[in-house]
Protein backbone atom coordinates (compact mmCIF):
# COMPACT_ATOMS: atom_id res chain seq x y z
CA MET A 1 -2.67 -14.46 3.04
CA ARG A 2 1.03 -12.80 3.97
CA ASN A 3 3.09 -11.23 2.14
CA THR A 4 6.16 -12.67 2.13
CA LEU A 5 8.34 -9.44 2.95
CA GLY A 6 6.57 -9.44 6.44
CA ASP A 7 4.23 -6.89 7.53
CA ALA A 8 6.54 -4.44 9.07
CA LYS A 9 8.93 -4.40 6.10
CA CYS A 10 5.96 -4.01 3.53
CA ILE A 11 4.97 -1.10 5.94
CA SER A 12 8.17 0.50 5.76
CA LEU A 13 8.26 0.14 1.87
CA TYR A 14 5.15 1.72 1.36
CA TRP A 15 6.13 5.01 3.65
CA ASN A 16 8.83 5.55 1.61
CA VAL A 17 6.83 5.41 -1.53
CA MET A 18 4.13 7.44 0.17
CA ALA A 19 5.81 10.20 1.85
CA ASP A 20 4.33 13.71 1.48
CA ILE A 21 0.76 13.21 0.72
CA LEU A 22 -0.03 16.60 1.71
CA THR A 23 1.04 19.79 0.11
CA LEU A 24 2.63 22.59 2.15
CA ASN A 25 -0.22 24.57 0.95
CA GLU A 26 -3.08 22.16 1.95
CA VAL A 27 -1.42 22.39 5.91
CA LYS A 28 -1.85 25.80 5.59
CA ARG A 29 -5.00 26.08 4.32
CA LEU A 30 -6.17 23.43 7.08
CA ALA A 31 -4.30 25.40 9.86
CA GLU A 32 -6.03 28.38 8.66
CA LEU A 33 -9.64 26.92 8.97
CA ALA A 34 -8.87 25.49 12.07
CA LYS A 35 -7.81 29.28 13.01
CA LEU A 36 -4.41 28.27 14.06
CA GLU A 37 -0.88 30.34 13.03
CA LEU A 38 1.71 28.62 12.23
CA THR A 39 5.26 29.35 11.37
CA ASP A 40 6.96 27.95 8.18
CA ASP A 41 9.06 25.64 10.17
CA GLU A 42 5.83 24.14 11.85
CA ALA A 43 3.93 23.95 8.45
CA VAL A 44 6.94 21.72 7.19
CA LYS A 45 7.02 19.40 10.41
CA TYR A 46 3.11 18.99 10.08
CA GLN A 47 2.85 18.45 6.49
CA LYS A 48 5.09 15.38 7.14
CA GLU A 49 3.36 14.35 10.15
CA LEU A 50 -0.01 14.28 8.81
CA SER A 51 1.23 12.94 5.68
CA GLU A 52 2.59 10.03 7.69
CA VAL A 53 -0.79 9.46 9.67
CA LEU A 54 -2.59 9.35 6.10
CA ASP A 55 -0.26 7.21 5.05
CA TYR A 56 -0.97 4.91 7.98
CA PHE A 57 -4.49 5.34 7.29
CA ALA A 58 -3.76 4.08 3.80
CA VAL A 59 -2.07 0.92 4.92
CA LEU A 60 -5.05 0.12 7.39
CA ASP A 61 -7.53 0.53 4.64
CA SER A 62 -5.63 -1.98 2.47
CA VAL A 63 -5.53 -4.65 5.26
CA SER A 64 -8.91 -4.90 5.30
């Protein structure tokens, strides 16, 4: 059954609600475990990027 909003619009709405799944401390801990040194600016950037990846996995999971 298809969503009446359309898939792209539904995903866009989902992204706005689910932003920042990972905390900044979690990103820093992941970097530490991976033996990466991140600046504070990089940690903030990766927080957003990794959260978006996890958001997308949640969208894919809801489709299946």
